Amino acid sequence: MINCAIAGLGRWGRALVEAAQGEPRLRITSAVEPDVGGAAGFCATHGLSLTPSLDDVLAEPGIDAQVFCEKPLALRRDDAAEMFAACRNAGVLLAVGHNRRFWPSMQALRAITASGELGTILHVEGHNSNENSQAIMQGWRLSPEESPGGGLTGAGLHVLDGFVSLLGPARQVYARLNEREAGPPPLDAATLAIEFVNGVSATLATVRATPFYWRVHVFGMKGSAEVL
């Protein structure tokens, strides 16, 4: 059993707490939330001790030493490298909330790609759009500082992580954000052209104000395979 604390009880933080209910391998016992008044009822319902200070839970001996960070892990490479180094030095695990690489369909695509059935992989295309932004009028998704990549920061990077799980690390990325209206809701589209270390090329697109759409398509010399 891993006893853990959660930092942040916004929409998704509360969803994670509820998803963990009944899980025999993990128990959320504490929460960090600056809005103590707004989170008190939720914490009482779910049996969580509540504090506005991260230092409080870091000093709590009953919290096990694991780190699960929601995406995006960081907005700059140097910041992510510092997080990796800190966890390595502390001897704790670091996990990132890229859940879609674990979808059965994405696991199947990864197995097909690795099996050689498609031959030499040449190119991958991906798209993830999510109309949730039409219902979001405030918060980090609308902040140029916290979400500088438009829909890429909140939705498109799920496809980017899917690419990495299929192909490994990227060597070079070209990105463009086309902003039509600042909103809210924002009307924009992000596109990426990526070259991976193994020589495979890829294109990725994400649109914030269109109904949900997911696609990852792998092209090889012998055939192609697609997840929709």
C-alpha atoms as a PDB file:
ATOM      1  CA  MET A   1       0.000   0.000   0.000  1.00  0.00           C
ATOM      2  CA  ILE A   2       1.329   3.420  -1.009  1.00  0.00           C
ATOM      3  CA  ASN A   3       0.143   6.241   1.234  1.00  0.00           C
ATOM      4  CA  CYS A   4       0.268   9.504  -0.684  1.00  0.00           C
ATOM      5  CA  ALA A   5      -0.768  13.139  -0.687  1.00  0.00           C
ATOM      6  CA  ILE A   6      -2.260  15.109  -3.551  1.00  0.00           C
ATOM      7  CA  ALA A   7      -1.289  18.710  -4.297  1.00  0.00           C
ATOM      8  CA  GLY A   8      -4.164  20.594  -5.905  1.00  0.00           C
ATOM      9  CA  LEU A   9      -7.878  19.838  -5.662  1.00  0.00           C
ATOM     10  CA  GLY A  10      -9.151  21.414  -8.833  1.00  0.00           C
ATOM     11  CA  ARG A  11     -11.371  19.527 -11.289  1.00  0.00           C
ATOM     12  CA  TRP A  12      -8.782  16.910 -12.172  1.00  0.00           C
ATOM     13  CA  GLY A  13      -7.305  16.621  -8.701  1.00  0.00           C
ATOM     14  CA  ARG A  14     -10.723  15.686  -7.356  1.00  0.00           C
ATOM     15  CA  ALA A  15     -11.193  13.234 -10.209  1.00  0.00           C
ATOM     16  CA  LEU A  16      -7.923  11.520  -9.242  1.00  0.00           C
ATOM     17  CA  VAL A  17      -8.997  11.254  -5.604  1.00  0.00           C
ATOM     18  CA  GLU A  18     -12.291   9.652  -6.607  1.00  0.00           C
ATOM     19  CA  ALA A  19     -10.561   7.327  -9.095  1.00  0.00           C
ATOM     20  CA  ALA A  20      -8.281   6.086  -6.314  1.00  0.00           C
ATOM     21  CA  GLN A  21     -11.176   5.136  -4.031  1.00  0.00           C
ATOM     22  CA  GLY A  22     -11.170   1.385  -3.492  1.00  0.00           C
ATOM     23  CA  GLU A  23      -7.744   0.869  -5.094  1.00  0.00           C
ATOM     24  CA  PRO A  24      -5.958  -1.626  -2.795  1.00  0.00           C
ATOM     25  CA  ARG A  25      -2.432  -0.551  -3.786  1.00  0.00           C
ATOM     26  CA  LEU A  26      -2.776   3.202  -3.227  1.00  0.00           C
ATOM     27  CA  ARG A  27      -4.399   5.410  -0.612  1.00  0.00           C
ATOM     28  CA  ILE A  28      -4.627   9.217  -0.740  1.00  0.00           C
ATOM     29  CA  THR A  29      -4.574  10.424   2.854  1.00  0.00           C
ATOM     30  CA  SER A  30      -3.704  14.123   2.605  1.00  0.00           C
ATOM     31  CA  ALA A  31      -4.339  17.082   0.321  1.00  0.00           C
ATOM     32  CA  VAL A  32      -2.623  20.405  -0.322  1.00  0.00           C
ATOM     33  CA  GLU A  33      -4.990  23.141  -1.498  1.00  0.00           C
ATOM     34  CA  PRO A  34      -4.666  26.936  -1.038  1.00  0.00           C
ATOM     35  CA  ASP A  35      -8.471  27.295  -1.091  1.00  0.00           C
ATOM     36  CA  VAL A  36      -8.978  25.522   2.221  1.00  0.00           C
ATOM     37  CA  GLY A  37     -12.575  26.675   2.578  1.00  0.00           C
ATOM     38  CA  GLY A  38     -13.548  25.498  -0.868  1.00  0.00           C
ATOM     39  CA  ALA A  39     -11.938  22.083  -0.390  1.00  0.00           C
ATOM     40  CA  ALA A  40     -12.969  21.360   3.210  1.00  0.00           C
ATOM     41  CA  GLY A  41     -16.221  19.594   2.351  1.00  0.00           C
ATOM     42  CA  PHE A  42     -14.616  17.427  -0.332  1.00  0.00           C
ATOM     43  CA  CYS A  43     -11.798  16.401   2.017  1.00  0.00           C
ATOM     44  CA  ALA A  44     -14.215  15.566   4.822  1.00  0.00           C
ATOM     45  CA  THR A  45     -16.246  13.375   2.469  1.00  0.00           C
ATOM     46  CA  HIS A  46     -13.144  11.499   1.288  1.00  0.00           C
ATOM     47  CA  GLY A  47     -11.319  11.307   4.615  1.00  0.00           C
ATOM     48  CA  LEU A  48      -8.395  13.558   3.656  1.00  0.00           C
ATOM     49  CA  SER A  49      -6.413  15.766   5.991  1.00  0.00           C
ATOM     50  CA  LEU A  50      -6.173  19.234   4.425  1.00  0.00           C
ATOM     51  CA  THR A  51      -3.420  21.844   4.495  1.00  0.00           C
ATOM     52  CA  PRO A  52      -2.552  24.902   2.387  1.00  0.00           C
ATOM     53  CA  SER A  53       1.185  24.139   2.698  1.00  0.00           C
ATOM     54  CA  LEU A  54       3.157  21.645   0.616  1.00  0.00           C
ATOM     55  CA  ASP A  55       5.883  21.696   3.279  1.00  0.00           C
ATOM     56  CA  ASP A  56       3.413  20.163   5.742  1.00  0.00           C
ATOM     57  CA  VAL A  57       2.938  16.992   3.716  1.00  0.00           C
ATOM     58  CA  LEU A  58       6.607  16.788   2.716  1.00  0.00           C
ATOM     59  CA  ALA A  59       7.426  16.627   6.418  1.00  0.00           C
ATOM     60  CA  GLU A  60       4.726  14.063   7.187  1.00  0.00           C
ATOM     61  CA  PRO A  61       6.367  10.667   7.920  1.00  0.00           C
ATOM     62  CA  GLY A  62       3.287   8.716   6.892  1.00  0.00           C
ATOM     63  CA  ILE A  63       3.538   9.819   3.254  1.00  0.00           C
ATOM     64  CA  ASP A  64       5.498   7.380   1.101  1.00  0.00           C
ATOM     65  CA  ALA A  65       8.221   8.695  -1.175  1.00  0.00           C
ATOM     66  CA  GLN A  66       6.735   8.592  -4.673  1.00  0.00           C
ATOM     67  CA  VAL A  67       6.023  11.458  -7.090  1.00  0.00           C
ATOM     68  CA  PHE A  68       3.187  11.420  -9.628  1.00  0.00           C
ATOM     69  CA  CYS A  69       3.027  14.623 -11.659  1.00  0.00           C
ATOM     70  CA  GLU A  70       0.169  15.600 -13.894  1.00  0.00           C
ATOM     71  CA  LYS A  71       0.959  16.671 -17.417  1.00  0.00           C
ATOM     72  CA  PRO A  72       2.573  18.774 -18.594  1.00  0.00           C
ATOM     73  CA  LEU A  73       5.561  17.747 -16.476  1.00  0.00           C
ATOM     74  CA  ALA A  74       7.259  21.070 -17.266  1.00  0.00           C
ATOM     75  CA  LEU A  75       7.176  23.808 -19.878  1.00  0.00           C
ATOM     76  CA  ARG A  76      10.970  23.914 -20.334  1.00  0.00           C
ATOM     77  CA  ARG A  77      13.466  21.130 -20.824  1.00  0.00           C
ATOM     78  CA  ASP A  78      15.795  22.418 -18.093  1.00  0.00           C
ATOM     79  CA  ASP A  79      12.954  22.386 -15.552  1.00  0.00           C
ATOM     80  CA  ALA A  80      12.093  18.780 -16.420  1.00  0.00           C
ATOM     81  CA  ALA A  81      15.749  17.744 -16.164  1.00  0.00           C
ATOM     82  CA  GLU A  82      15.937  19.342 -12.708  1.00  0.00           C
ATOM     83  CA  MET A  83      12.871  17.340 -11.608  1.00  0.00           C
ATOM     84  CA  PHE A  84      14.390  14.087 -12.890  1.00  0.00           C
ATOM     85  CA  ALA A  85      17.659  14.821 -11.088  1.00  0.00           C
ATOM     86  CA  ALA A  86      15.902  15.664  -7.808  1.00  0.00           C
ATOM     87  CA  CYS A  87      13.938  12.404  -7.835  1.00  0.00           C
ATOM     88  CA  ARG A  88      17.020  10.352  -8.737  1.00  0.00           C
ATOM     89  CA  ASN A  89      19.018  11.964  -5.946  1.00  0.00           C
ATOM     90  CA  ALA A  90      16.194  11.335  -3.465  1.00  0.00           C
ATOM     91  CA  GLY A  91      15.781   7.736  -4.621  1.00  0.00           C
ATOM     92  CA  VAL A  92      12.084   8.090  -5.391  1.00  0.00           C
ATOM     93  CA  LEU A  93       9.991   7.183  -8.417  1.00  0.00           C
ATOM     94  CA  LEU A  94       8.714   9.882 -10.784  1.00  0.00           C
ATOM     95  CA  ALA A  95       5.668   9.181 -12.939  1.00  0.00           C
ATOM     96  CA  VAL A  96       3.801  11.504 -15.313  1.00  0.00           C
ATOM     97  CA  GLY A  97       0.052  11.391 -15.987  1.00  0.00           C
ATOM     98  CA  HIS A  98       0.164  10.457 -19.662  1.00  0.00           C
ATOM     99  CA  ASN A  99      -2.614   7.898 -19.366  1.00  0.00           C
ATOM    100  CA  ARG A 100      -3.448   7.448 -23.033  1.00  0.00           C
ATOM    101  CA  ARG A 101      -0.318   5.484 -23.885  1.00  0.00           C
ATOM    102  CA  PHE A 102      -1.948   2.783 -21.720  1.00  0.00           C
ATOM    103  CA  TRP A 103      -5.175   2.637 -23.742  1.00  0.00           C
ATOM    104  CA  PRO A 104      -5.595  -0.916 -25.106  1.00  0.00           C
ATOM    105  CA  SER A 105      -5.682   0.494 -28.644  1.00  0.00           C
ATOM    106  CA  MET A 106      -2.383   2.347 -28.159  1.00  0.00           C
ATOM    107  CA  GLN A 107      -0.783  -0.720 -26.595  1.00  0.00           C
ATOM    108  CA  ALA A 108      -1.903  -2.743 -29.611  1.00  0.00           C
ATOM    109  CA  LEU A 109      -0.464  -0.140 -32.003  1.00  0.00           C
ATOM    110  CA  ARG A 110       2.820  -0.214 -30.106  1.00  0.00           C
ATOM    111  CA  ALA A 111       2.946  -4.027 -30.354  1.00  0.00           C
ATOM    112  CA  ILE A 112       2.208  -3.955 -34.095  1.00  0.00           C
ATOM    113  CA  THR A 113       4.867  -1.312 -34.672  1.00  0.00           C
ATOM    114  CA  ALA A 114       7.480  -3.225 -32.675  1.00  0.00           C
ATOM    115  CA  SER A 115       6.678  -6.569 -34.312  1.00  0.00           C
ATOM    116  CA  GLY A 116       7.966  -5.508 -37.733  1.00  0.00           C
ATOM    117  CA  GLU A 117       4.603  -6.233 -39.358  1.00  0.00           C
ATOM    118  CA  LEU A 118       4.566  -2.765 -40.921  1.00  0.00           C
ATOM    119  CA  GLY A 119       8.198  -2.978 -42.033  1.00  0.00           C
ATOM    120  CA  THR A 120      10.526  -0.035 -41.538  1.00  0.00           C
ATOM    121  CA  ILE A 121       8.559   2.806 -39.945  1.00  0.00           C
ATOM    122  CA  LEU A 122       8.781   5.966 -42.037  1.00  0.00           C
ATOM    123  CA  HIS A 123       6.225   8.451 -40.731  1.00  0.00           C
ATOM    124  CA  VAL A 124       3.561   8.970 -38.055  1.00  0.00           C
ATOM    125  CA  GLU A 125       0.584  11.338 -38.015  1.00  0.00           C
ATOM    126  CA  GLY A 126      -1.400  12.329 -34.963  1.00  0.00           C
ATOM    127  CA  HIS A 127      -4.265  14.556 -33.873  1.00  0.00           C
ATOM    128  CA  ASN A 128      -5.938  15.229 -30.546  1.00  0.00           C
ATOM    129  CA  SER A 129      -8.610  17.890 -30.203  1.00  0.00           C
ATOM    130  CA  ASN A 130     -10.868  18.537 -27.262  1.00  0.00           C
ATOM    131  CA  GLU A 131     -13.815  20.899 -27.095  1.00  0.00           C
ATOM    132  CA  ASN A 132     -13.537  21.191 -23.289  1.00  0.00           C
ATOM    133  CA  SER A 133     -11.979  24.616 -23.794  1.00  0.00           C
ATOM    134  CA  GLN A 134     -15.384  25.954 -24.841  1.00  0.00           C
ATOM    135  CA  ALA A 135     -16.581  25.363 -21.277  1.00  0.00           C
ATOM    136  CA  ILE A 136     -13.459  26.730 -19.562  1.00  0.00           C
ATOM    137  CA  MET A 137     -13.536  30.449 -18.824  1.00  0.00           C
ATOM    138  CA  GLN A 138     -10.594  30.647 -16.406  1.00  0.00           C
ATOM    139  CA  GLY A 139      -7.606  28.697 -15.106  1.00  0.00           C
ATOM    140  CA  TRP A 140      -4.236  27.494 -16.368  1.00  0.00           C
ATOM    141  CA  ARG A 141      -5.501  26.362 -19.781  1.00  0.00           C
ATOM    142  CA  LEU A 142      -6.248  29.985 -20.683  1.00  0.00           C
ATOM    143  CA  SER A 143      -2.999  31.397 -19.295  1.00  0.00           C
ATOM    144  CA  PRO A 144      -0.321  32.280 -21.886  1.00  0.00           C
ATOM    145  CA  GLU A 145       2.288  31.726 -19.169  1.00  0.00           C
ATOM    146  CA  GLU A 146       1.031  28.300 -18.065  1.00  0.00           C
ATOM    147  CA  SER A 147      -0.355  27.072 -21.395  1.00  0.00           C
ATOM    148  CA  PRO A 148       1.871  28.710 -24.023  1.00  0.00           C
ATOM    149  CA  GLY A 149       1.251  26.072 -26.688  1.00  0.00           C
ATOM    150  CA  GLY A 150      -2.487  26.575 -27.060  1.00  0.00           C
ATOM    151  CA  GLY A 151      -4.232  23.205 -27.130  1.00  0.00           C
ATOM    152  CA  LEU A 152      -0.901  21.401 -27.252  1.00  0.00           C
ATOM    153  CA  THR A 153      -0.270  21.972 -23.539  1.00  0.00           C
ATOM    154  CA  GLY A 154      -3.531  20.429 -22.345  1.00  0.00           C
ATOM    155  CA  ALA A 155      -4.537  17.938 -25.057  1.00  0.00           C
ATOM    156  CA  GLY A 156      -2.098  17.621 -27.945  1.00  0.00           C
ATOM    157  CA  LEU A 157       0.773  16.468 -25.778  1.00  0.00           C
ATOM    158  CA  HIS A 158      -1.099  13.191 -25.182  1.00  0.00           C
ATOM    159  CA  VAL A 159      -0.414  12.400 -28.839  1.00  0.00           C
ATOM    160  CA  LEU A 160       3.161  13.611 -28.470  1.00  0.00           C
ATOM    161  CA  ASP A 161       3.627  11.175 -25.587  1.00  0.00           C
ATOM    162  CA  GLY A 162       2.049   8.454 -27.745  1.00  0.00           C
ATOM    163  CA  PHE A 163       4.637   9.215 -30.424  1.00  0.00           C
ATOM    164  CA  VAL A 164       7.460   8.935 -27.885  1.00  0.00           C
ATOM    165  CA  SER A 165       6.112   5.612 -26.604  1.00  0.00           C
ATOM    166  CA  LEU A 166       6.110   4.312 -30.187  1.00  0.00           C
ATOM    167  CA  LEU A 167       9.313   5.850 -31.520  1.00  0.00           C
ATOM    168  CA  GLY A 168      11.549   7.012 -28.683  1.00  0.00           C
ATOM    169  CA  PRO A 169      13.022  10.495 -28.273  1.00  0.00           C
ATOM    170  CA  ALA A 170      12.706  13.361 -30.735  1.00  0.00           C
ATOM    171  CA  ARG A 171      15.715  15.083 -32.276  1.00  0.00           C
ATOM    172  CA  GLN A 172      14.095  18.205 -33.693  1.00  0.00           C
ATOM    173  CA  VAL A 173      10.684  19.910 -33.496  1.00  0.00           C
ATOM    174  CA  TYR A 174       9.140  22.745 -35.485  1.00  0.00           C
ATOM    175  CA  ALA A 175       5.955  24.162 -33.954  1.00  0.00           C
ATOM    176  CA  ARG A 176       3.458  26.834 -34.945  1.00  0.00           C
ATOM    177  CA  LEU A 177       0.419  28.202 -33.092  1.00  0.00           C
ATOM    178  CA  ASN A 178      -2.282  29.843 -35.221  1.00  0.00           C
ATOM    179  CA  GLU A 179      -4.363  32.092 -32.938  1.00  0.00           C
ATOM    180  CA  ARG A 180      -7.623  33.374 -34.468  1.00  0.00           C
ATOM    181  CA  GLU A 181      -9.381  34.663 -31.340  1.00  0.00           C
ATOM    182  CA  ALA A 182      -8.065  34.964 -27.791  1.00  0.00           C
ATOM    183  CA  GLY A 183     -11.502  34.209 -26.316  1.00  0.00           C
ATOM    184  CA  PRO A 184     -12.549  32.799 -24.011  1.00  0.00           C
ATOM    185  CA  PRO A 185     -13.082  30.333 -25.447  1.00  0.00           C
ATOM    186  CA  PRO A 186      -9.845  30.542 -27.439  1.00  0.00           C
ATOM    187  CA  LEU A 187      -9.915  29.679 -31.134  1.00  0.00           C
ATOM    188  CA  ASP A 188      -6.515  28.351 -32.129  1.00  0.00           C
ATOM    189  CA  ALA A 189      -4.719  25.431 -33.729  1.00  0.00           C
ATOM    190  CA  ALA A 190      -1.231  24.101 -33.020  1.00  0.00           C
ATOM    191  CA  THR A 191       0.799  22.093 -35.537  1.00  0.00           C
ATOM    192  CA  LEU A 192       4.129  20.314 -35.065  1.00  0.00           C
ATOM    193  CA  ALA A 193       6.609  18.752 -37.471  1.00  0.00           C
ATOM    194  CA  ILE A 194       8.905  16.339 -35.640  1.00  0.00           C
ATOM    195  CA  GLU A 195      12.036  14.402 -36.524  1.00  0.00           C
ATOM    196  CA  PHE A 196      12.846  11.490 -34.205  1.00  0.00           C
ATOM    197  CA  VAL A 197      16.313  10.215 -33.324  1.00  0.00           C
ATOM    198  CA  ASN A 198      15.591   6.985 -35.240  1.00  0.00           C
ATOM    199  CA  GLY A 199      14.904   8.969 -38.427  1.00  0.00           C
ATOM    200  CA  VAL A 200      11.102   8.722 -38.418  1.00  0.00           C
ATOM    201  CA  SER A 201       9.193  11.921 -39.220  1.00  0.00           C
ATOM    202  CA  ALA A 202       5.863  12.932 -37.703  1.00  0.00           C
ATOM    203  CA  THR A 203       3.160  15.585 -37.843  1.00  0.00           C
ATOM    204  CA  LEU A 204       0.841  16.506 -34.987  1.00  0.00           C
ATOM    205  CA  ALA A 205      -2.147  18.851 -34.802  1.00  0.00           C
ATOM    206  CA  THR A 206      -4.497  19.941 -32.046  1.00  0.00           C
ATOM    207  CA  VAL A 207      -7.518  22.273 -32.128  1.00  0.00           C
ATOM    208  CA  ARG A 208      -9.046  23.559 -28.886  1.00  0.00           C
ATOM    209  CA  ALA A 209     -12.573  24.417 -30.012  1.00  0.00           C
ATOM    210  CA  THR A 210     -13.662  21.404 -32.040  1.00  0.00           C
ATOM    211  CA  PRO A 211     -15.375  18.194 -30.808  1.00  0.00           C
ATOM    212  CA  PHE A 212     -13.163  15.465 -29.400  1.00  0.00           C
ATOM    213  CA  TYR A 213     -11.015  13.674 -31.957  1.00  0.00           C
ATOM    214  CA  TRP A 214      -8.086  11.282 -31.527  1.00  0.00           C
ATOM    215  CA  ARG A 215      -5.949   9.744 -34.226  1.00  0.00           C
ATOM    216  CA  VAL A 216      -2.486   8.162 -34.372  1.00  0.00           C
ATOM    217  CA  HIS A 217      -1.480   6.640 -37.737  1.00  0.00           C
ATOM    218  CA  VAL A 218       1.814   4.791 -38.269  1.00  0.00           C
ATOM    219  CA  PHE A 219       3.143   4.348 -41.819  1.00  0.00           C
ATOM    220  CA  GLY A 220       5.695   1.649 -42.681  1.00  0.00           C
ATOM    221  CA  MET A 221       7.193   0.200 -45.843  1.00  0.00           C
ATOM    222  CA  LYS A 222       4.830  -2.816 -45.676  1.00  0.00           C
ATOM    223  CA  GLY A 223       1.646  -1.152 -44.480  1.00  0.00           C
ATOM    224  CA  SER A 224       0.091   1.206 -41.970  1.00  0.00           C
ATOM    225  CA  ALA A 225      -1.945   0.985 -38.778  1.00  0.00           C
ATOM    226  CA  GLU A 226      -4.220   3.546 -37.184  1.00  0.00           C
ATOM    227  CA  VAL A 227      -5.885   4.212 -33.855  1.00  0.00           C
ATOM    228  CA  LEU A 228      -9.045   6.328 -33.940  1.00  0.00           C
END
